[in-house]
Amino acid sequence: MISFRKLEERDLELVLEWRTSEHVTQYMYTDIEKDLVNQYKWFEKISNDDTQYYWIIEVKNTPIGLISLNQLDRTNKKSSFAYYIGDLNYSIIAGRIHPYLYNFAFYELGLNKVYAEVMRGNDGMMKMHKHYGFTHVATFKDHIYKYDQFHDVEYFELLASDWTECTKFHKFKLTFVL
């Protein structure tokens, strides 16, 4: 049902639509203009960067969102990650997507830590992180300036040792092509 495929040039227009939609951009650190030329420049940049990888989330071959590993640090075996559901018709399954990425990160890439920063107010995402065993480590006060005001950011991390103890999610494995 769910699959992940590497982001391709043919996806850029759709991803731009998602990324500039209000339900996605409200919790992102930056807002981008709806500019396809800049989208292609961004794609060119990330395509040549082995510290970040992006995948299209598909349900029955229908693109519904984007998931990524970012700031991949192979020396220290850690990475941040991000994701969003672009097609709100599929928001009901948003919570079932994460374990696939965690299993890939810990068992295929051999990472020790996956971490995420969440803008205060994104309660659903914070709840989801806690559900999957993340630890809330810090609050960065007035960390992001957006919409003419400062926003706090919550920092969460999940260690491989904690994930391996939580066996109920280990069956969620799919292919992620780098």
N, C-alpha and C. Protein backbone atom coordinates (compact mmCIF):
# COMPACT_ATOMS: atom_id res chain seq x y z
N MET A 1 0.82 -1.20 0.00
CA MET A 1 0.00 0.00 0.00
C MET A 1 0.86 1.26 0.00
N ILE A 2 1.74 1.42 1.00
CA ILE A 2 2.64 2.58 1.08
C ILE A 2 3.96 2.21 0.41
N SER A 3 4.53 3.15 -0.34
CA SER A 3 5.85 2.95 -0.91
C SER A 3 6.59 4.29 -0.93
N PHE A 4 7.89 4.19 -1.12
CA PHE A 4 8.75 5.37 -1.14
C PHE A 4 9.62 5.28 -2.38
N ARG A 5 9.66 6.35 -3.14
CA ARG A 5 10.55 6.37 -4.30
C ARG A 5 11.33 7.69 -4.28
N LYS A 6 12.52 7.61 -4.78
CA LYS A 6 13.39 8.77 -4.80
C LYS A 6 12.72 9.93 -5.55
N LEU A 7 12.86 11.11 -4.99
CA LEU A 7 12.32 12.32 -5.63
C LEU A 7 12.96 12.48 -7.01
N GLU A 8 12.12 12.76 -8.00
CA GLU A 8 12.59 12.92 -9.37
C GLU A 8 12.15 14.29 -9.89
N GLU A 9 12.78 14.69 -10.97
CA GLU A 9 12.47 15.98 -11.59
C GLU A 9 10.98 16.09 -11.93
N ARG A 10 10.38 15.01 -12.34
CA ARG A 10 8.95 15.03 -12.72
C ARG A 10 8.03 15.35 -11.54
N ASP A 11 8.56 15.26 -10.31
CA ASP A 11 7.76 15.52 -9.11
C ASP A 11 7.78 16.97 -8.67
N LEU A 12 8.65 17.77 -9.25
CA LEU A 12 8.93 19.10 -8.71
C LEU A 12 7.72 20.03 -8.70
N GLU A 13 6.92 20.00 -9.71
CA GLU A 13 5.75 20.88 -9.73
C GLU A 13 4.76 20.50 -8.63
N LEU A 14 4.52 19.22 -8.45
CA LEU A 14 3.62 18.76 -7.40
C LEU A 14 4.17 19.08 -6.02
N VAL A 15 5.45 18.84 -5.81
CA VAL A 15 6.07 19.13 -4.52
C VAL A 15 6.01 20.63 -4.22
N LEU A 16 6.19 21.45 -5.23
CA LEU A 16 6.08 22.90 -5.05
C LEU A 16 4.66 23.27 -4.62
N GLU A 17 3.66 22.64 -5.23
CA GLU A 17 2.26 22.89 -4.82
C GLU A 17 2.07 22.53 -3.35
N TRP A 18 2.56 21.38 -2.96
CA TRP A 18 2.43 20.96 -1.56
C TRP A 18 3.16 21.91 -0.64
N ARG A 19 4.41 22.20 -0.98
CA ARG A 19 5.28 22.98 -0.10
C ARG A 19 4.77 24.40 0.12
N THR A 20 4.03 24.94 -0.85
CA THR A 20 3.51 26.30 -0.71
C THR A 20 2.07 26.32 -0.20
N SER A 21 1.51 25.16 0.08
CA SER A 21 0.15 25.12 0.63
C SER A 21 0.18 25.49 2.11
N GLU A 22 -0.86 26.11 2.58
CA GLU A 22 -0.90 26.61 3.96
C GLU A 22 -0.72 25.51 4.99
N HIS A 23 -1.34 24.36 4.78
CA HIS A 23 -1.26 23.29 5.79
C HIS A 23 0.16 22.74 5.92
N VAL A 24 0.99 22.90 4.92
CA VAL A 24 2.38 22.45 5.00
C VAL A 24 3.28 23.57 5.50
N THR A 25 3.19 24.72 4.90
CA THR A 25 4.16 25.79 5.18
C THR A 25 4.02 26.41 6.57
N GLN A 26 2.85 26.28 7.18
CA GLN A 26 2.65 26.94 8.48
C GLN A 26 3.65 26.49 9.55
N TYR A 27 4.15 25.25 9.47
CA TYR A 27 5.10 24.76 10.47
C TYR A 27 6.51 24.60 9.92
N MET A 28 6.76 25.09 8.72
CA MET A 28 8.10 25.06 8.15
C MET A 28 8.85 26.31 8.60
N TYR A 29 10.15 26.22 8.66
CA TYR A 29 10.94 27.37 9.08
C TYR A 29 10.89 28.50 8.07
N THR A 30 10.75 28.15 6.82
CA THR A 30 10.74 29.17 5.77
C THR A 30 9.50 29.04 4.91
N ASP A 31 9.14 30.12 4.29
CA ASP A 31 8.11 30.11 3.26
C ASP A 31 8.84 30.34 1.94
N ILE A 32 8.43 29.60 0.93
CA ILE A 32 9.06 29.78 -0.38
C ILE A 32 8.03 30.31 -1.36
N GLU A 33 8.53 30.97 -2.37
CA GLU A 33 7.65 31.47 -3.42
C GLU A 33 7.31 30.33 -4.37
N LYS A 34 6.17 30.46 -4.98
CA LYS A 34 5.74 29.46 -5.96
C LYS A 34 6.48 29.75 -7.26
N ASP A 35 7.72 29.31 -7.32
CA ASP A 35 8.61 29.60 -8.43
C ASP A 35 9.26 28.30 -8.90
N LEU A 36 8.83 27.79 -10.03
CA LEU A 36 9.31 26.52 -10.53
C LEU A 36 10.79 26.57 -10.91
N VAL A 37 11.27 27.72 -11.35
CA VAL A 37 12.70 27.85 -11.67
C VAL A 37 13.53 27.63 -10.41
N ASN A 38 13.13 28.24 -9.30
CA ASN A 38 13.84 28.03 -8.04
C ASN A 38 13.71 26.59 -7.55
N GLN A 39 12.58 25.98 -7.84
CA GLN A 39 12.38 24.58 -7.46
C GLN A 39 13.40 23.69 -8.18
N TYR A 40 13.63 23.95 -9.44
CA TYR A 40 14.62 23.19 -10.19
C TYR A 40 16.03 23.44 -9.66
N LYS A 41 16.32 24.66 -9.26
CA LYS A 41 17.63 24.97 -8.66
C LYS A 41 17.81 24.20 -7.35
N TRP A 42 16.76 24.18 -6.54
CA TRP A 42 16.79 23.43 -5.28
C TRP A 42 17.04 21.95 -5.56
N PHE A 43 16.34 21.41 -6.54
CA PHE A 43 16.48 20.00 -6.88
C PHE A 43 17.90 19.70 -7.33
N GLU A 44 18.47 20.55 -8.14
CA GLU A 44 19.85 20.38 -8.61
C GLU A 44 20.81 20.35 -7.41
N LYS A 45 20.58 21.24 -6.47
CA LYS A 45 21.44 21.33 -5.28
C LYS A 45 21.34 20.05 -4.44
N ILE A 46 20.13 19.61 -4.14
CA ILE A 46 20.00 18.43 -3.28
C ILE A 46 20.40 17.14 -3.99
N SER A 47 20.30 17.12 -5.31
CA SER A 47 20.67 15.93 -6.06
C SER A 47 22.16 15.65 -5.99
N ASN A 48 22.95 16.65 -5.69
CA ASN A 48 24.40 16.51 -5.60
C ASN A 48 24.91 16.62 -4.17
N ASP A 49 24.03 16.35 -3.20
CA ASP A 49 24.39 16.49 -1.80
C ASP A 49 24.12 15.17 -1.09
N ASP A 50 25.17 14.49 -0.67
CA ASP A 50 24.98 13.18 -0.04
C ASP A 50 24.69 13.27 1.46
N THR A 51 24.32 14.46 1.91
CA THR A 51 23.89 14.61 3.31
C THR A 51 22.38 14.80 3.43
N GLN A 52 21.69 14.72 2.30
CA GLN A 52 20.23 14.81 2.34
C GLN A 52 19.62 14.00 1.21
N TYR A 53 18.52 13.35 1.54
CA TYR A 53 17.82 12.49 0.59
C TYR A 53 16.33 12.71 0.73
N TYR A 54 15.64 12.75 -0.39
CA TYR A 54 14.19 13.01 -0.41
C TYR A 54 13.49 11.89 -1.16
N TRP A 55 12.34 11.48 -0.61
CA TRP A 55 11.52 10.46 -1.24
C TRP A 55 10.07 10.92 -1.31
N ILE A 56 9.42 10.53 -2.38
CA ILE A 56 7.98 10.73 -2.52
C ILE A 56 7.28 9.58 -1.80
N ILE A 57 6.32 9.92 -0.98
CA ILE A 57 5.49 8.91 -0.32
C ILE A 57 4.33 8.63 -1.26
N GLU A 58 4.12 7.35 -1.56
CA GLU A 58 3.03 6.97 -2.44
C GLU A 58 2.11 5.97 -1.74
N VAL A 59 0.84 6.07 -2.05
CA VAL A 59 -0.15 5.09 -1.63
C VAL A 59 -0.81 4.58 -2.89
N LYS A 60 -0.66 3.30 -3.14
CA LYS A 60 -1.19 2.69 -4.37
C LYS A 60 -0.75 3.48 -5.60
N ASN A 61 0.54 3.83 -5.65
CA ASN A 61 1.17 4.55 -6.76
C ASN A 61 0.69 5.99 -6.93
N THR A 62 -0.01 6.53 -5.93
CA THR A 62 -0.44 7.92 -5.95
C THR A 62 0.46 8.73 -5.01
N PRO A 63 1.15 9.75 -5.50
CA PRO A 63 1.98 10.59 -4.63
C PRO A 63 1.12 11.34 -3.62
N ILE A 64 1.51 11.23 -2.34
CA ILE A 64 0.73 11.91 -1.29
C ILE A 64 1.57 12.83 -0.41
N GLY A 65 2.89 12.72 -0.47
CA GLY A 65 3.72 13.54 0.40
C GLY A 65 5.19 13.33 0.15
N LEU A 66 5.99 13.91 1.03
CA LEU A 66 7.45 13.90 0.91
C LEU A 66 8.05 13.58 2.26
N ILE A 67 9.11 12.77 2.25
CA ILE A 67 9.85 12.46 3.47
C ILE A 67 11.34 12.57 3.15
N SER A 68 12.12 12.99 4.14
CA SER A 68 13.54 13.20 3.86
C SER A 68 14.41 12.94 5.08
N LEU A 69 15.64 12.61 4.79
CA LEU A 69 16.71 12.63 5.78
C LEU A 69 17.56 13.84 5.44
N ASN A 70 17.94 14.60 6.46
CA ASN A 70 18.69 15.84 6.23
C ASN A 70 19.83 15.92 7.24
N GLN A 71 20.84 16.68 6.91
CA GLN A 71 22.00 16.84 7.78
C GLN A 71 22.57 15.47 8.18
N LEU A 72 22.59 14.55 7.23
CA LEU A 72 23.10 13.21 7.48
C LEU A 72 24.59 13.29 7.79
N ASP A 73 24.93 12.87 8.98
CA ASP A 73 26.30 12.91 9.47
C ASP A 73 26.75 11.46 9.66
N ARG A 74 27.47 10.93 8.68
CA ARG A 74 27.89 9.54 8.73
C ARG A 74 28.95 9.29 9.79
N THR A 75 29.77 10.27 10.09
CA THR A 75 30.80 10.12 11.11
C THR A 75 30.17 9.92 12.48
N ASN A 76 29.21 10.75 12.81
CA ASN A 76 28.57 10.69 14.12
C ASN A 76 27.27 9.87 14.11
N LYS A 77 26.95 9.32 12.95
CA LYS A 77 25.81 8.41 12.78
C LYS A 77 24.50 9.01 13.25
N LYS A 78 24.19 10.20 12.71
CA LYS A 78 22.93 10.85 13.07
C LYS A 78 22.39 11.61 11.86
N SER A 79 21.09 11.90 11.94
CA SER A 79 20.43 12.64 10.86
C SER A 79 19.15 13.25 11.39
N SER A 80 18.83 14.41 10.87
CA SER A 80 17.50 14.94 11.12
C SER A 80 16.59 14.38 10.02
N PHE A 81 15.31 14.55 10.20
CA PHE A 81 14.39 14.12 9.16
C PHE A 81 13.20 15.06 9.14
N ALA A 82 12.50 15.03 8.04
CA ALA A 82 11.30 15.86 7.90
C ALA A 82 10.33 15.13 6.99
N TYR A 83 9.08 15.51 7.09
CA TYR A 83 8.09 14.95 6.18
C TYR A 83 6.84 15.78 6.23
N TYR A 84 6.05 15.64 5.21
CA TYR A 84 4.71 16.22 5.22
C TYR A 84 3.82 15.46 4.26
N ILE A 85 2.56 15.49 4.56
CA ILE A 85 1.54 14.95 3.68
C ILE A 85 1.03 16.12 2.85
N GLY A 86 1.19 16.04 1.57
CA GLY A 86 0.74 17.11 0.68
C GLY A 86 -0.72 16.99 0.33
N ASP A 87 -1.18 15.76 0.18
CA ASP A 87 -2.57 15.50 -0.19
C ASP A 87 -3.36 15.19 1.07
N LEU A 88 -4.16 16.14 1.51
CA LEU A 88 -4.89 16.00 2.77
C LEU A 88 -5.89 14.84 2.76
N ASN A 89 -6.23 14.31 1.61
CA ASN A 89 -7.10 13.15 1.55
C ASN A 89 -6.46 11.93 2.21
N TYR A 90 -5.15 11.99 2.40
CA TYR A 90 -4.41 10.87 2.99
C TYR A 90 -3.87 11.19 4.38
N SER A 91 -4.30 12.25 4.99
CA SER A 91 -3.77 12.63 6.30
C SER A 91 -4.06 11.58 7.37
N ILE A 92 -5.07 10.76 7.16
CA ILE A 92 -5.42 9.72 8.12
C ILE A 92 -4.30 8.71 8.31
N ILE A 93 -3.45 8.52 7.29
CA ILE A 93 -2.37 7.53 7.41
C ILE A 93 -1.03 8.16 7.78
N ALA A 94 -1.01 9.44 8.04
CA ALA A 94 0.24 10.15 8.33
C ALA A 94 1.05 9.47 9.43
N GLY A 95 0.39 9.00 10.44
CA GLY A 95 1.07 8.40 11.57
C GLY A 95 1.67 7.03 11.30
N ARG A 96 1.33 6.42 10.19
CA ARG A 96 1.85 5.08 9.89
C ARG A 96 3.10 5.12 9.01
N ILE A 97 3.53 6.29 8.63
CA ILE A 97 4.65 6.42 7.69
C ILE A 97 6.01 6.37 8.37
N HIS A 98 6.13 6.97 9.51
CA HIS A 98 7.42 7.13 10.19
C HIS A 98 8.21 5.86 10.43
N PRO A 99 7.60 4.77 10.92
CA PRO A 99 8.41 3.58 11.24
C PRO A 99 9.22 3.05 10.06
N TYR A 100 8.73 3.21 8.87
CA TYR A 100 9.49 2.76 7.70
C TYR A 100 10.82 3.51 7.61
N LEU A 101 10.78 4.81 7.81
CA LEU A 101 12.00 5.60 7.74
C LEU A 101 12.93 5.27 8.91
N TYR A 102 12.39 5.09 10.10
CA TYR A 102 13.23 4.77 11.26
C TYR A 102 13.93 3.43 11.07
N ASN A 103 13.21 2.43 10.57
CA ASN A 103 13.83 1.13 10.33
C ASN A 103 14.94 1.24 9.28
N PHE A 104 14.70 2.02 8.25
CA PHE A 104 15.73 2.25 7.24
C PHE A 104 16.95 2.95 7.85
N ALA A 105 16.69 3.99 8.60
CA ALA A 105 17.79 4.78 9.19
C ALA A 105 18.63 3.94 10.15
N PHE A 106 17.99 3.17 11.00
CA PHE A 106 18.73 2.42 12.01
C PHE A 106 19.29 1.09 11.50
N TYR A 107 18.51 0.36 10.71
CA TYR A 107 18.93 -0.97 10.30
C TYR A 107 19.65 -1.01 8.96
N GLU A 108 19.36 -0.10 8.08
CA GLU A 108 20.03 -0.09 6.78
C GLU A 108 21.22 0.88 6.76
N LEU A 109 21.02 2.08 7.29
CA LEU A 109 22.09 3.07 7.29
C LEU A 109 23.00 2.96 8.52
N GLY A 110 22.53 2.28 9.54
CA GLY A 110 23.33 2.11 10.75
C GLY A 110 23.45 3.37 11.59
N LEU A 111 22.46 4.24 11.50
CA LEU A 111 22.50 5.47 12.30
C LEU A 111 22.27 5.16 13.78
N ASN A 112 22.76 6.03 14.63
CA ASN A 112 22.56 5.92 16.06
C ASN A 112 21.46 6.84 16.55
N LYS A 113 21.22 7.92 15.80
CA LYS A 113 20.23 8.91 16.25
C LYS A 113 19.51 9.53 15.07
N VAL A 114 18.21 9.70 15.23
CA VAL A 114 17.39 10.47 14.32
C VAL A 114 16.77 11.57 15.17
N TYR A 115 16.83 12.80 14.68
CA TYR A 115 16.28 13.89 15.48
C TYR A 115 15.41 14.80 14.63
N ALA A 116 14.57 15.55 15.32
CA ALA A 116 13.62 16.43 14.63
C ALA A 116 13.39 17.68 15.45
N GLU A 117 13.18 18.76 14.75
CA GLU A 117 12.80 20.02 15.37
C GLU A 117 11.37 20.32 14.95
N VAL A 118 10.55 20.70 15.92
CA VAL A 118 9.12 20.92 15.67
C VAL A 118 8.73 22.28 16.23
N MET A 119 8.14 23.11 15.38
CA MET A 119 7.67 24.41 15.86
C MET A 119 6.56 24.23 16.86
N ARG A 120 6.63 24.99 17.93
CA ARG A 120 5.58 24.95 18.94
C ARG A 120 4.24 25.22 18.26
N GLY A 121 3.25 24.47 18.65
CA GLY A 121 1.93 24.58 18.05
C GLY A 121 1.61 23.40 17.14
N ASN A 122 2.64 22.71 16.68
CA ASN A 122 2.44 21.53 15.84
C ASN A 122 2.27 20.31 16.76
N ASP A 123 1.17 20.34 17.50
CA ASP A 123 0.92 19.34 18.54
C ASP A 123 0.83 17.92 17.99
N GLY A 124 0.24 17.76 16.82
CA GLY A 124 0.12 16.43 16.23
C GLY A 124 1.48 15.79 15.99
N MET A 125 2.42 16.57 15.49
CA MET A 125 3.75 16.05 15.22
C MET A 125 4.48 15.72 16.53
N MET A 126 4.33 16.56 17.52
CA MET A 126 4.98 16.28 18.81
C MET A 126 4.42 15.01 19.43
N LYS A 127 3.12 14.84 19.35
CA LYS A 127 2.47 13.64 19.88
C LYS A 127 2.97 12.40 19.13
N MET A 128 3.12 12.51 17.81
CA MET A 128 3.59 11.39 17.00
C MET A 128 5.01 11.00 17.38
N HIS A 129 5.87 11.99 17.58
CA HIS A 129 7.25 11.68 17.98
C HIS A 129 7.26 10.91 19.30
N LYS A 130 6.50 11.36 20.26
CA LYS A 130 6.45 10.68 21.56
C LYS A 130 5.90 9.26 21.40
N HIS A 131 4.92 9.08 20.53
CA HIS A 131 4.33 7.76 20.29
C HIS A 131 5.38 6.77 19.80
N TYR A 132 6.31 7.24 19.00
CA TYR A 132 7.33 6.35 18.45
C TYR A 132 8.60 6.29 19.30
N GLY A 133 8.57 6.83 20.50
CA GLY A 133 9.68 6.67 21.43
C GLY A 133 10.69 7.79 21.45
N PHE A 134 10.44 8.88 20.75
CA PHE A 134 11.35 10.02 20.82
C PHE A 134 11.34 10.62 22.21
N THR A 135 12.45 11.19 22.57
CA THR A 135 12.59 11.92 23.82
C THR A 135 12.61 13.41 23.51
N HIS A 136 11.83 14.18 24.26
CA HIS A 136 11.89 15.64 24.14
C HIS A 136 13.12 16.08 24.91
N VAL A 137 14.06 16.68 24.20
CA VAL A 137 15.36 16.99 24.78
C VAL A 137 15.50 18.46 25.15
N ALA A 138 14.92 19.34 24.34
CA ALA A 138 15.14 20.77 24.59
C ALA A 138 14.03 21.60 23.95
N THR A 139 13.92 22.81 24.47
CA THR A 139 13.08 23.83 23.85
C THR A 139 14.00 24.98 23.47
N PHE A 140 13.99 25.33 22.21
CA PHE A 140 14.76 26.46 21.73
C PHE A 140 13.83 27.66 21.72
N LYS A 141 14.02 28.55 22.66
CA LYS A 141 13.15 29.72 22.81
C LYS A 141 13.39 30.72 21.69
N ASP A 142 12.29 31.29 21.18
CA ASP A 142 12.37 32.32 20.13
C ASP A 142 13.36 31.93 19.03
N HIS A 143 13.24 30.73 18.55
CA HIS A 143 14.22 30.14 17.64
C HIS A 143 13.98 30.51 16.17
N ILE A 144 12.71 30.69 15.80
CA ILE A 144 12.36 30.98 14.41
C ILE A 144 11.50 32.23 14.36
N TYR A 145 11.84 33.13 13.45
CA TYR A 145 11.04 34.34 13.26
C TYR A 145 10.22 34.15 12.00
N LYS A 146 8.92 34.09 12.18
CA LYS A 146 8.00 33.85 11.07
C LYS A 146 6.66 34.47 11.42
N TYR A 147 5.98 34.96 10.40
CA TYR A 147 4.68 35.60 10.59
C TYR A 147 4.77 36.77 11.60
N ASP A 148 5.86 37.52 11.50
CA ASP A 148 6.09 38.72 12.32
C ASP A 148 6.19 38.44 13.82
N GLN A 149 6.60 37.24 14.16
CA GLN A 149 6.83 36.95 15.58
C GLN A 149 7.82 35.78 15.72
N PHE A 150 8.40 35.66 16.92
CA PHE A 150 9.30 34.56 17.20
C PHE A 150 8.50 33.34 17.64
N HIS A 151 9.04 32.16 17.30
CA HIS A 151 8.40 30.91 17.66
C HIS A 151 9.40 30.01 18.38
N ASP A 152 8.94 29.33 19.41
CA ASP A 152 9.75 28.32 20.06
C ASP A 152 9.79 27.08 19.19
N VAL A 153 10.88 26.33 19.33
CA VAL A 153 11.03 25.08 18.60
C VAL A 153 11.38 23.98 19.61
N GLU A 154 10.69 22.86 19.49
CA GLU A 154 10.93 21.72 20.36
C GLU A 154 11.86 20.75 19.64
N TYR A 155 12.85 20.24 20.37
CA TYR A 155 13.84 19.32 19.81
C TYR A 155 13.60 17.92 20.37
N PHE A 156 13.46 16.95 19.47
CA PHE A 156 13.21 15.56 19.84
C PHE A 156 14.30 14.68 19.22
N GLU A 157 14.63 13.58 19.93
CA GLU A 157 15.57 12.63 19.35
C GLU A 157 15.14 11.21 19.67
N LEU A 158 15.50 10.32 18.76
CA LEU A 158 15.25 8.89 18.91
C LEU A 158 16.57 8.17 18.71
N LEU A 159 16.98 7.42 19.71
CA LEU A 159 18.23 6.66 19.63
C LEU A 159 17.96 5.25 19.12
N ALA A 160 18.94 4.71 18.41
CA ALA A 160 18.82 3.35 17.90
C ALA A 160 18.55 2.36 19.03
N SER A 161 19.20 2.55 20.16
CA SER A 161 19.01 1.63 21.29
C SER A 161 17.57 1.64 21.79
N ASP A 162 16.92 2.80 21.76
CA ASP A 162 15.51 2.87 22.17
C ASP A 162 14.61 2.24 21.10
N TRP A 163 14.95 2.46 19.84
CA TRP A 163 14.13 1.92 18.75
C TRP A 163 14.20 0.40 18.73
N THR A 164 15.37 -0.19 18.96
CA THR A 164 15.49 -1.65 18.91
C THR A 164 14.69 -2.32 20.02
N GLU A 165 14.46 -1.63 21.11
CA GLU A 165 13.64 -2.17 22.20
C GLU A 165 12.16 -2.16 21.86
N CYS A 166 11.75 -1.30 20.97
CA CYS A 166 10.33 -1.14 20.61
C CYS A 166 10.02 -2.01 19.39
N THR A 167 9.93 -3.31 19.60
CA THR A 167 9.86 -4.27 18.49
C THR A 167 8.55 -4.25 17.71
N LYS A 168 7.51 -3.67 18.24
CA LYS A 168 6.22 -3.72 17.55
C LYS A 168 6.22 -2.99 16.20
N PHE A 169 7.22 -2.12 15.95
CA PHE A 169 7.28 -1.38 14.69
C PHE A 169 8.33 -1.93 13.72
N HIS A 170 9.04 -2.97 14.10
CA HIS A 170 10.14 -3.48 13.27
C HIS A 170 9.68 -4.12 11.97
N LYS A 171 8.43 -4.52 11.89
CA LYS A 171 7.93 -5.16 10.66
C LYS A 171 7.71 -4.17 9.52
N PHE A 172 7.74 -2.88 9.81
CA PHE A 172 7.48 -1.85 8.80
C PHE A 172 8.76 -1.53 8.04
N LYS A 173 9.05 -2.36 7.04
CA LYS A 173 10.28 -2.18 6.26
C LYS A 173 9.95 -2.12 4.78
N LEU A 174 10.49 -1.12 4.13
CA LEU A 174 10.35 -0.95 2.69
C LEU A 174 11.67 -0.42 2.15
N THR A 175 11.79 -0.40 0.85
CA THR A 175 13.02 0.04 0.20
C THR A 175 13.05 1.57 0.07
N PHE A 176 14.18 2.13 0.42
CA PHE A 176 14.49 3.55 0.20
C PHE A 176 15.76 3.58 -0.64
N VAL A 177 15.67 4.09 -1.85
CA VAL A 177 16.85 4.16 -2.72
C VAL A 177 17.55 5.49 -2.47
N LEU A 178 18.87 5.42 -2.25
CA LEU A 178 19.65 6.64 -2.03
C LEU A 178 20.08 7.24 -3.36
